[in-house]
Amino acid sequence: MIQLVIGAAAGYVLGTKAGRKRYHQIKKGYEAAINSPATKAAVSATRKAIANKLDPQPRMKEVKNLRTNDGHEVLEPDQD
């Protein structure tokens, strides 16, 4: 907890010393980076890669020789 307070105090002091002009420079650079076509392409490619890895209905297979006493099957993800 004390580290959080020290970090916040240090950030406040450094931020006030840098001033409003530096804040606007940092903000402008951040917005330029976020809105650049290269960043948008990278985010889009990452989202597509993650979407391709995720399957909303994963394929399952029965684990052989494992049946519960109440007749239910034990399933595991199918690795195909």
PDB file of N, CA and C in Angstrom:
ATOM      1  N   MET A   1       0.833  -1.193   0.000  1.00  0.00           N
ATOM      2  CA  MET A   1       0.000   0.000   0.000  1.00  0.00           C
ATOM      3  C   MET A   1       0.875   1.253   0.000  1.00  0.00           C
ATOM      4  N   ILE A   2       1.934   1.190   0.785  1.00  0.00           N
ATOM      5  CA  ILE A   2       2.814   2.351   0.869  1.00  0.00           C
ATOM      6  C   ILE A   2       3.494   2.607  -0.475  1.00  0.00           C
ATOM      7  N   GLN A   3       3.790   1.529  -1.209  1.00  0.00           N
ATOM      8  CA  GLN A   3       4.416   1.689  -2.518  1.00  0.00           C
ATOM      9  C   GLN A   3       3.474   2.403  -3.493  1.00  0.00           C
ATOM     10  N   LEU A   4       2.203   2.093  -3.410  1.00  0.00           N
ATOM     11  CA  LEU A   4       1.215   2.747  -4.260  1.00  0.00           C
ATOM     12  C   LEU A   4       1.164   4.244  -3.974  1.00  0.00           C
ATOM     13  N   VAL A   5       1.175   4.598  -2.709  1.00  0.00           N
ATOM     14  CA  VAL A   5       1.123   6.010  -2.320  1.00  0.00           C
ATOM     15  C   VAL A   5       2.388   6.729  -2.788  1.00  0.00           C
ATOM     16  N   ILE A   6       3.548   6.090  -2.603  1.00  0.00           N
ATOM     17  CA  ILE A   6       4.809   6.696  -3.029  1.00  0.00           C
ATOM     18  C   ILE A   6       4.826   6.857  -4.551  1.00  0.00           C
ATOM     19  N   GLY A   7       4.369   5.822  -5.268  1.00  0.00           N
ATOM     20  CA  GLY A   7       4.323   5.899  -6.720  1.00  0.00           C
ATOM     21  C   GLY A   7       3.388   6.990  -7.211  1.00  0.00           C
ATOM     22  N   ALA A   8       2.232   7.103  -6.585  1.00  0.00           N
ATOM     23  CA  ALA A   8       1.273   8.139  -6.972  1.00  0.00           C
ATOM     24  C   ALA A   8       1.839   9.528  -6.686  1.00  0.00           C
ATOM     25  N   ALA A   9       2.500   9.686  -5.552  1.00  0.00           N
ATOM     26  CA  ALA A   9       3.098  10.979  -5.204  1.00  0.00           C
ATOM     27  C   ALA A   9       4.205  11.341  -6.186  1.00  0.00           C
ATOM     28  N   ALA A  10       5.055  10.362  -6.526  1.00  0.00           N
ATOM     29  CA  ALA A  10       6.143  10.616  -7.473  1.00  0.00           C
ATOM     30  C   ALA A  10       5.571  10.978  -8.842  1.00  0.00           C
ATOM     31  N   GLY A  11       4.557  10.279  -9.279  1.00  0.00           N
ATOM     32  CA  GLY A  11       3.917  10.585 -10.547  1.00  0.00           C
ATOM     33  C   GLY A  11       3.306  11.971 -10.559  1.00  0.00           C
ATOM     34  N   TYR A  12       2.714  12.343  -9.455  1.00  0.00           N
ATOM     35  CA  TYR A  12       2.111  13.681  -9.362  1.00  0.00           C
ATOM     36  C   TYR A  12       3.176  14.763  -9.447  1.00  0.00           C
ATOM     37  N   VAL A  13       4.264  14.590  -8.682  1.00  0.00           N
ATOM     38  CA  VAL A  13       5.332  15.589  -8.668  1.00  0.00           C
ATOM     39  C   VAL A  13       5.972  15.702 -10.042  1.00  0.00           C
ATOM     40  N   LEU A  14       6.304  14.561 -10.649  1.00  0.00           N
ATOM     41  CA  LEU A  14       6.928  14.594 -11.971  1.00  0.00           C
ATOM     42  C   LEU A  14       5.962  15.159 -13.008  1.00  0.00           C
ATOM     43  N   GLY A  15       4.700  14.834 -12.900  1.00  0.00           N
ATOM     44  CA  GLY A  15       3.704  15.343 -13.836  1.00  0.00           C
ATOM     45  C   GLY A  15       3.521  16.837 -13.727  1.00  0.00           C
ATOM     46  N   THR A  16       3.529  17.353 -12.513  1.00  0.00           N
ATOM     47  CA  THR A  16       3.359  18.798 -12.359  1.00  0.00           C
ATOM     48  C   THR A  16       4.598  19.546 -12.808  1.00  0.00           C
ATOM     49  N   LYS A  17       5.779  18.933 -12.644  1.00  0.00           N
ATOM     50  CA  LYS A  17       6.999  19.587 -13.113  1.00  0.00           C
ATOM     51  C   LYS A  17       7.068  19.607 -14.631  1.00  0.00           C
ATOM     52  N   ALA A  18       6.576  18.555 -15.268  1.00  0.00           N
ATOM     53  CA  ALA A  18       6.608  18.500 -16.723  1.00  0.00           C
ATOM     54  C   ALA A  18       5.692  19.561 -17.319  1.00  0.00           C
ATOM     55  N   GLY A  19       4.584  19.796 -16.686  1.00  0.00           N
ATOM     56  CA  GLY A  19       3.682  20.854 -17.114  1.00  0.00           C
ATOM     57  C   GLY A  19       2.680  20.412 -18.174  1.00  0.00           C
ATOM     58  N   ARG A  20       1.810  21.339 -18.471  1.00  0.00           N
ATOM     59  CA  ARG A  20       0.718  21.079 -19.387  1.00  0.00           C
ATOM     60  C   ARG A  20       1.204  20.878 -20.822  1.00  0.00           C
ATOM     61  N   LYS A  21       2.247  21.602 -21.208  1.00  0.00           N
ATOM     62  CA  LYS A  21       2.765  21.482 -22.563  1.00  0.00           C
ATOM     63  C   LYS A  21       3.259  20.058 -22.826  1.00  0.00           C
ATOM     64  N   ARG A  22       4.005  19.504 -21.899  1.00  0.00           N
ATOM     65  CA  ARG A  22       4.513  18.139 -22.056  1.00  0.00           C
ATOM     66  C   ARG A  22       3.366  17.133 -22.046  1.00  0.00           C
ATOM     67  N   TYR A  23       2.357  17.375 -21.213  1.00  0.00           N
ATOM     68  CA  TYR A  23       1.186  16.506 -21.173  1.00  0.00           C
ATOM     69  C   TYR A  23       0.528  16.448 -22.548  1.00  0.00           C
ATOM     70  N   HIS A  24       0.359  17.592 -23.176  1.00  0.00           N
ATOM     71  CA  HIS A  24      -0.268  17.627 -24.490  1.00  0.00           C
ATOM     72  C   HIS A  24       0.608  16.959 -25.546  1.00  0.00           C
ATOM     73  N   GLN A  25       1.934  17.057 -25.409  1.00  0.00           N
ATOM     74  CA  GLN A  25       2.831  16.368 -26.334  1.00  0.00           C
ATOM     75  C   GLN A  25       2.669  14.856 -26.210  1.00  0.00           C
ATOM     76  N   ILE A  26       2.621  14.382 -24.989  1.00  0.00           N
ATOM     77  CA  ILE A  26       2.464  12.938 -24.744  1.00  0.00           C
ATOM     78  C   ILE A  26       1.103  12.472 -25.267  1.00  0.00           C
ATOM     79  N   LYS A  27       0.067  13.244 -24.981  1.00  0.00           N
ATOM     80  CA  LYS A  27      -1.280  12.892 -25.423  1.00  0.00           C
ATOM     81  C   LYS A  27      -1.365  12.863 -26.947  1.00  0.00           C
ATOM     82  N   LYS A  28      -0.755  13.831 -27.604  1.00  0.00           N
ATOM     83  CA  LYS A  28      -0.764  13.895 -29.066  1.00  0.00           C
ATOM     84  C   LYS A  28      -0.030  12.687 -29.656  1.00  0.00           C
ATOM     85  N   GLY A  29       1.105  12.319 -29.076  1.00  0.00           N
ATOM     86  CA  GLY A  29       1.849  11.150 -29.540  1.00  0.00           C
ATOM     87  C   GLY A  29       1.068   9.860 -29.351  1.00  0.00           C
ATOM     88  N   TYR A  30       0.405   9.746 -28.214  1.00  0.00           N
ATOM     89  CA  TYR A  30      -0.422   8.566 -27.927  1.00  0.00           C
ATOM     90  C   TYR A  30      -1.557   8.446 -28.937  1.00  0.00           C
ATOM     91  N   GLU A  31      -2.253   9.541 -29.178  1.00  0.00           N
ATOM     92  CA  GLU A  31      -3.370   9.515 -30.121  1.00  0.00           C
ATOM     93  C   GLU A  31      -2.896   9.220 -31.539  1.00  0.00           C
ATOM     94  N   ALA A  32      -1.737   9.748 -31.905  1.00  0.00           N
ATOM     95  CA  ALA A  32      -1.190   9.472 -33.241  1.00  0.00           C
ATOM     96  C   ALA A  32      -0.858   7.989 -33.379  1.00  0.00           C
ATOM     97  N   ALA A  33      -0.300   7.408 -32.324  1.00  0.00           N
ATOM     98  CA  ALA A  33       0.052   5.985 -32.366  1.00  0.00           C
ATOM     99  C   ALA A  33      -1.196   5.108 -32.428  1.00  0.00           C
ATOM    100  N   ILE A  34      -2.189   5.444 -31.657  1.00  0.00           N
ATOM    101  CA  ILE A  34      -3.422   4.651 -31.613  1.00  0.00           C
ATOM    102  C   ILE A  34      -4.188   4.745 -32.929  1.00  0.00           C
ATOM    103  N   ASN A  35      -4.192   5.911 -33.548  1.00  0.00           N
ATOM    104  CA  ASN A  35      -4.988   6.116 -34.754  1.00  0.00           C
ATOM    105  C   ASN A  35      -4.218   5.841 -36.048  1.00  0.00           C
ATOM    106  N   SER A  36      -2.981   5.384 -35.956  1.00  0.00           N
ATOM    107  CA  SER A  36      -2.194   5.136 -37.162  1.00  0.00           C
ATOM    108  C   SER A  36      -2.681   3.876 -37.879  1.00  0.00           C
ATOM    109  N   PRO A  37      -2.575   3.836 -39.193  1.00  0.00           N
ATOM    110  CA  PRO A  37      -2.998   2.655 -39.950  1.00  0.00           C
ATOM    111  C   PRO A  37      -2.218   1.393 -39.567  1.00  0.00           C
ATOM    112  N   ALA A  38      -0.936   1.546 -39.224  1.00  0.00           N
ATOM    113  CA  ALA A  38      -0.132   0.386 -38.839  1.00  0.00           C
ATOM    114  C   ALA A  38      -0.654  -0.238 -37.546  1.00  0.00           C
ATOM    115  N   THR A  39      -1.006   0.609 -36.581  1.00  0.00           N
ATOM    116  CA  THR A  39      -1.538   0.102 -35.317  1.00  0.00           C
ATOM    117  C   THR A  39      -2.887  -0.570 -35.537  1.00  0.00           C
ATOM    118  N   LYS A  40      -3.721   0.053 -36.357  1.00  0.00           N
ATOM    119  CA  LYS A  40      -5.038  -0.536 -36.625  1.00  0.00           C
ATOM    120  C   LYS A  40      -4.900  -1.882 -37.327  1.00  0.00           C
ATOM    121  N   ALA A  41      -3.943  -1.991 -38.243  1.00  0.00           N
ATOM    122  CA  ALA A  41      -3.719  -3.260 -38.938  1.00  0.00           C
ATOM    123  C   ALA A  41      -3.216  -4.328 -37.972  1.00  0.00           C
ATOM    124  N   ALA A  42      -2.319  -3.940 -37.058  1.00  0.00           N
ATOM    125  CA  ALA A  42      -1.785  -4.891 -36.079  1.00  0.00           C
ATOM    126  C   ALA A  42      -2.887  -5.374 -35.132  1.00  0.00           C
ATOM    127  N   VAL A  43      -3.730  -4.469 -34.686  1.00  0.00           N
ATOM    128  CA  VAL A  43      -4.835  -4.842 -33.792  1.00  0.00           C
ATOM    129  C   VAL A  43      -5.807  -5.763 -34.515  1.00  0.00           C
ATOM    130  N   SER A  44      -6.096  -5.457 -35.760  1.00  0.00           N
ATOM    131  CA  SER A  44      -7.013  -6.283 -36.541  1.00  0.00           C
ATOM    132  C   SER A  44      -6.444  -7.688 -36.748  1.00  0.00           C
ATOM    133  N   ALA A  45      -5.159  -7.770 -37.091  1.00  0.00           N
ATOM    134  CA  ALA A  45      -4.524  -9.070 -37.294  1.00  0.00           C
ATOM    135  C   ALA A  45      -4.504  -9.878 -36.001  1.00  0.00           C
ATOM    136  N   THR A  46      -4.247  -9.217 -34.886  1.00  0.00           N
ATOM    137  CA  THR A  46      -4.236  -9.903 -33.592  1.00  0.00           C
ATOM    138  C   THR A  46      -5.619 -10.420 -33.244  1.00  0.00           C
ATOM    139  N   ARG A  47      -6.632  -9.606 -33.462  1.00  0.00           N
ATOM    140  CA  ARG A  47      -8.007 -10.038 -33.179  1.00  0.00           C
ATOM    141  C   ARG A  47      -8.403 -11.232 -34.037  1.00  0.00           C
ATOM    142  N   LYS A  48      -8.017 -11.200 -35.320  1.00  0.00           N
ATOM    143  CA  LYS A  48      -8.336 -12.330 -36.194  1.00  0.00           C
ATOM    144  C   LYS A  48      -7.624 -13.599 -35.743  1.00  0.00           C
ATOM    145  N   ALA A  49      -6.363 -13.475 -35.338  1.00  0.00           N
ATOM    146  CA  ALA A  49      -5.603 -14.639 -34.886  1.00  0.00           C
ATOM    147  C   ALA A  49      -6.226 -15.239 -33.629  1.00  0.00           C
ATOM    148  N   ILE A  50      -6.638 -14.384 -32.705  1.00  0.00           N
ATOM    149  CA  ILE A  50      -7.281 -14.871 -31.476  1.00  0.00           C
ATOM    150  C   ILE A  50      -8.619 -15.512 -31.800  1.00  0.00           C
ATOM    151  N   ALA A  51      -9.393 -14.895 -32.682  1.00  0.00           N
ATOM    152  CA  ALA A  51     -10.704 -15.446 -33.053  1.00  0.00           C
ATOM    153  C   ALA A  51     -10.554 -16.806 -33.716  1.00  0.00           C
ATOM    154  N   ASN A  52      -9.508 -16.983 -34.514  1.00  0.00           N
ATOM    155  CA  ASN A  52      -9.284 -18.274 -35.164  1.00  0.00           C
ATOM    156  C   ASN A  52      -8.884 -19.352 -34.160  1.00  0.00           C
ATOM    157  N   LYS A  53      -8.244 -18.947 -33.070  1.00  0.00           N
ATOM    158  CA  LYS A  53      -7.834 -19.921 -32.051  1.00  0.00           C
ATOM    159  C   LYS A  53      -8.998 -20.330 -31.153  1.00  0.00           C
ATOM    160  N   LEU A  54      -9.939 -19.427 -30.964  1.00  0.00           N
ATOM    161  CA  LEU A  54     -11.076 -19.708 -30.092  1.00  0.00           C
ATOM    162  C   LEU A  54     -12.171 -20.407 -30.874  1.00  0.00           C
ATOM    163  N   ASP A  55     -12.777 -21.380 -30.258  1.00  0.00           N
ATOM    164  CA  ASP A  55     -13.858 -22.119 -30.889  1.00  0.00           C
ATOM    165  C   ASP A  55     -15.060 -22.060 -29.959  1.00  0.00           C
ATOM    166  N   PRO A  56     -16.170 -21.482 -30.378  1.00  0.00           N
ATOM    167  CA  PRO A  56     -17.310 -21.351 -29.477  1.00  0.00           C
ATOM    168  C   PRO A  56     -17.903 -22.691 -29.057  1.00  0.00           C
ATOM    169  N   GLN A  57     -17.728 -23.719 -29.872  1.00  0.00           N
ATOM    170  CA  GLN A  57     -18.193 -25.051 -29.509  1.00  0.00           C
ATOM    171  C   GLN A  57     -17.040 -26.029 -29.681  1.00  0.00           C
ATOM    172  N   PRO A  58     -16.221 -26.170 -28.646  1.00  0.00           N
ATOM    173  CA  PRO A  58     -15.068 -27.051 -28.771  1.00  0.00           C
ATOM    174  C   PRO A  58     -15.487 -28.502 -28.990  1.00  0.00           C
ATOM    175  N   ARG A  59     -14.735 -29.189 -29.819  1.00  0.00           N
ATOM    176  CA  ARG A  59     -15.009 -30.599 -30.082  1.00  0.00           C
ATOM    177  C   ARG A  59     -14.519 -31.431 -28.900  1.00  0.00           C
ATOM    178  N   MET A  60     -15.362 -32.337 -28.454  1.00  0.00           N
ATOM    179  CA  MET A  60     -15.038 -33.173 -27.295  1.00  0.00           C
ATOM    180  C   MET A  60     -15.088 -34.643 -27.705  1.00  0.00           C
ATOM    181  N   LYS A  61     -14.328 -35.462 -26.991  1.00  0.00           N
ATOM    182  CA  LYS A  61     -14.385 -36.906 -27.216  1.00  0.00           C
ATOM    183  C   LYS A  61     -14.468 -37.598 -25.866  1.00  0.00           C
ATOM    184  N   GLU A  62     -15.029 -38.798 -25.885  1.00  0.00           N
ATOM    185  CA  GLU A  62     -15.193 -39.563 -24.658  1.00  0.00           C
ATOM    186  C   GLU A  62     -13.854 -40.152 -24.242  1.00  0.00           C
ATOM    187  N   VAL A  63     -13.582 -40.076 -22.955  1.00  0.00           N
ATOM    188  CA  VAL A  63     -12.393 -40.716 -22.414  1.00  0.00           C
ATOM    189  C   VAL A  63     -12.737 -42.176 -22.204  1.00  0.00           C
ATOM    190  N   LYS A  64     -11.996 -43.046 -22.839  1.00  0.00           N
ATOM    191  CA  LYS A  64     -12.289 -44.479 -22.772  1.00  0.00           C
ATOM    192  C   LYS A  64     -12.053 -45.011 -21.358  1.00  0.00           C
ATOM    193  N   ASN A  65     -12.855 -45.974 -20.980  1.00  0.00           N
ATOM    194  CA  ASN A  65     -12.754 -46.666 -19.701  1.00  0.00           C
ATOM    195  C   ASN A  65     -12.995 -45.752 -18.505  1.00  0.00           C
ATOM    196  N   LEU A  66     -13.631 -44.611 -18.732  1.00  0.00           N
ATOM    197  CA  LEU A  66     -13.976 -43.739 -17.610  1.00  0.00           C
ATOM    198  C   LEU A  66     -15.457 -43.394 -17.704  1.00  0.00           C
ATOM    199  N   ARG A  67     -16.247 -44.108 -16.991  1.00  0.00           N
ATOM    200  CA  ARG A  67     -17.670 -43.805 -16.903  1.00  0.00           C
ATOM    201  C   ARG A  67     -17.986 -43.640 -15.433  1.00  0.00           C
ATOM    202  N   THR A  68     -18.809 -42.674 -15.147  1.00  0.00           N
ATOM    203  CA  THR A  68     -19.191 -42.456 -13.758  1.00  0.00           C
ATOM    204  C   THR A  68     -20.235 -43.491 -13.360  1.00  0.00           C
ATOM    205  N   ASN A  69     -20.449 -43.619 -12.083  1.00  0.00           N
ATOM    206  CA  ASN A  69     -21.410 -44.601 -11.574  1.00  0.00           C
ATOM    207  C   ASN A  69     -22.842 -44.264 -11.978  1.00  0.00           C
ATOM    208  N   ASP A  70     -23.114 -43.018 -12.262  1.00  0.00           N
ATOM    209  CA  ASP A  70     -24.471 -42.636 -12.629  1.00  0.00           C
ATOM    210  C   ASP A  70     -24.693 -42.657 -14.138  1.00  0.00           C
ATOM    211  N   GLY A  71     -23.743 -43.198 -14.914  1.00  0.00           N
ATOM    212  CA  GLY A  71     -23.926 -43.389 -16.343  1.00  0.00           C
ATOM    213  C   GLY A  71     -23.493 -42.222 -17.212  1.00  0.00           C
ATOM    214  N   HIS A  72     -22.924 -41.203 -16.634  1.00  0.00           N
ATOM    215  CA  HIS A  72     -22.473 -40.057 -17.414  1.00  0.00           C
ATOM    216  C   HIS A  72     -21.108 -40.337 -18.035  1.00  0.00           C
ATOM    217  N   GLU A  73     -20.873 -39.732 -19.182  1.00  0.00           N
ATOM    218  CA  GLU A  73     -19.587 -39.887 -19.855  1.00  0.00           C
ATOM    219  C   GLU A  73     -18.597 -38.838 -19.354  1.00  0.00           C
ATOM    220  N   VAL A  74     -17.323 -39.172 -19.385  1.00  0.00           N
ATOM    221  CA  VAL A  74     -16.274 -38.203 -19.096  1.00  0.00           C
ATOM    222  C   VAL A  74     -15.688 -37.774 -20.436  1.00  0.00           C
ATOM    223  N   LEU A  75     -15.680 -36.454 -20.677  1.00  0.00           N
ATOM    224  CA  LEU A  75     -15.232 -35.928 -21.953  1.00  0.00           C
ATOM    225  C   LEU A  75     -13.962 -35.116 -21.787  1.00  0.00           C
ATOM    226  N   GLU A  76     -13.177 -35.063 -22.879  1.00  0.00           N
ATOM    227  CA  GLU A  76     -11.989 -34.213 -22.915  1.00  0.00           C
ATOM    228  C   GLU A  76     -11.938 -33.561 -24.296  1.00  0.00           C
ATOM    229  N   PRO A  77     -11.194 -32.453 -24.415  1.00  0.00           N
ATOM    230  CA  PRO A  77     -11.098 -31.798 -25.724  1.00  0.00           C
ATOM    231  C   PRO A  77     -10.458 -32.703 -26.748  1.00  0.00           C
ATOM    232  N   ASP A  78     -10.991 -32.675 -27.963  1.00  0.00           N
ATOM    233  CA  ASP A  78     -10.460 -33.474 -29.064  1.00  0.00           C
ATOM    234  C   ASP A  78      -9.336 -32.672 -29.719  1.00  0.00           C
ATOM    235  N   GLN A  79      -8.154 -33.232 -29.807  1.00  0.00           N
ATOM    236  CA  GLN A  79      -6.986 -32.558 -30.353  1.00  0.00           C
ATOM    237  C   GLN A  79      -6.781 -32.907 -31.820  1.00  0.00           C
ATOM    238  N   ASP A  80      -7.623 -32.376 -32.690  1.00  0.00           N
ATOM    239  CA  ASP A  80      -7.441 -32.664 -34.119  1.00  0.00           C
ATOM    240  C   ASP A  80      -7.163 -31.450 -34.914  1.00  0.00           C
TER     241      ASP A  80
END
